[in-house]
Amino acid sequence: MSVTGIRKRRAGVVVSNKMDKTVVVVVERLVKHPKYKKYLRARKKYKAHDEKNLCQVGDRVELIETRPLSREKRWAVRSVLHRAAV
């Protein structure tokens, strides 16, 4: 069985758009503490490709996994789910 064509997806909030064709997106997820069983918010930053420079800080976007585009960039913006209030 091959897994070709199945790409990971993430949803997060744009925190920086200062680079050309690149945005930094923070993705939050809930993680249960192994000992205390309390849910904690784990955050991770992803650099994502934004071909047309459409994303603004505060936008909620969907990311899709892609081939390596640079040393740190392995994700691309698939769509803007919700625009930030201007």
Protein backbone atom coordinates (compact mmCIF):
# COMPACT_ATOMS: atom_id res chain seq x y z
CA MET A 1 0.00 0.00 0.00
CA SER A 2 1.38 3.38 -1.02
CA VAL A 3 0.79 6.65 0.79
CA THR A 4 1.61 8.85 -2.21
CA GLY A 5 -0.83 11.71 -2.58
CA ILE A 6 -1.87 11.87 1.07
CA ARG A 7 -0.67 15.22 2.37
CA LYS A 8 -0.84 16.44 5.95
CA ARG A 9 -2.98 19.50 6.65
CA ARG A 10 -2.82 22.04 9.44
CA ALA A 11 -4.84 25.14 10.34
CA GLY A 12 -3.29 28.10 12.08
CA VAL A 13 -2.93 31.86 12.41
CA VAL A 14 -0.46 33.99 10.45
CA VAL A 15 1.94 35.79 12.82
CA SER A 16 4.38 37.23 10.26
CA ASN A 17 4.27 38.10 6.56
CA LYS A 18 7.46 40.17 6.30
CA MET A 19 9.24 37.78 3.93
CA ASP A 20 8.54 37.65 0.20
CA LYS A 21 6.17 34.78 -0.70
CA THR A 22 6.52 33.32 2.82
CA VAL A 23 4.37 33.52 5.95
CA VAL A 24 4.95 32.23 9.47
CA VAL A 25 1.93 30.36 10.84
CA VAL A 26 1.36 29.28 14.45
CA VAL A 27 -0.54 26.01 14.82
CA GLU A 28 -2.01 25.18 18.24
CA ARG A 29 -3.04 21.73 19.43
CA LEU A 30 -4.16 20.29 22.75
CA VAL A 31 -1.79 17.85 24.43
CA LYS A 32 -2.62 15.88 27.56
CA HIS A 33 0.04 16.01 30.27
CA PRO A 34 1.23 12.43 30.92
CA LYS A 35 1.21 12.71 34.72
CA TYR A 36 -1.36 15.36 35.62
CA LYS A 37 -3.83 14.63 32.78
CA LYS A 38 -4.40 18.35 32.20
CA TYR A 39 -4.69 19.56 28.63
CA LEU A 40 -2.02 22.03 27.57
CA ARG A 41 -1.81 24.13 24.43
CA ALA A 42 1.21 23.12 22.36
CA ARG A 43 2.23 25.65 19.71
CA LYS A 44 4.46 25.20 16.70
CA LYS A 45 5.53 27.67 14.04
CA TYR A 46 5.61 26.68 10.39
CA LYS A 47 7.03 28.65 7.49
CA ALA A 48 4.64 28.35 4.56
CA HIS A 49 4.76 29.36 0.90
CA ASP A 50 2.33 32.15 -0.07
CA GLU A 51 2.79 32.56 -3.82
CA LYS A 52 0.73 35.75 -4.29
CA ASN A 53 1.48 37.38 -0.91
CA LEU A 54 -2.25 37.36 -0.04
CA CYS A 55 -2.01 36.53 3.68
CA GLN A 56 -2.03 39.23 6.35
CA VAL A 57 -1.12 38.99 10.04
CA GLY A 58 -4.08 37.54 11.96
CA ASP A 59 -5.57 35.56 9.06
CA ARG A 60 -6.60 31.98 9.79
CA VAL A 61 -5.19 29.76 7.03
CA GLU A 62 -5.07 26.13 6.03
CA LEU A 63 -1.64 24.68 5.26
CA ILE A 64 -0.83 21.67 3.13
CA GLU A 65 2.37 19.65 3.16
CA THR A 66 4.58 20.08 0.10
CA ARG A 67 8.06 19.25 -1.15
CA PRO A 68 10.96 21.16 0.43
CA LEU A 69 10.95 24.68 -1.01
CA SER A 70 13.84 26.01 1.10
CA ARG A 71 15.83 25.03 4.18
CA GLU A 72 12.87 25.53 6.55
CA LYS A 73 9.85 25.74 4.22
CA ARG A 74 7.89 22.49 3.73
CA TRP A 75 4.31 23.81 3.78
CA ALA A 76 2.16 25.91 1.45
CA VAL A 77 -0.93 28.01 2.12
CA ARG A 78 -3.89 26.12 0.66
CA SER A 79 -6.60 28.64 1.51
CA VAL A 80 -7.49 31.54 3.76
CA LEU A 81 -10.21 30.32 6.12
CA HIS A 82 -10.93 33.63 7.86
CA ARG A 83 -9.61 37.12 7.24
CA ALA A 84 -8.32 39.25 10.11
CA ALA A 85 -10.32 42.32 11.08
CA VAL A 86 -8.65 45.40 9.61
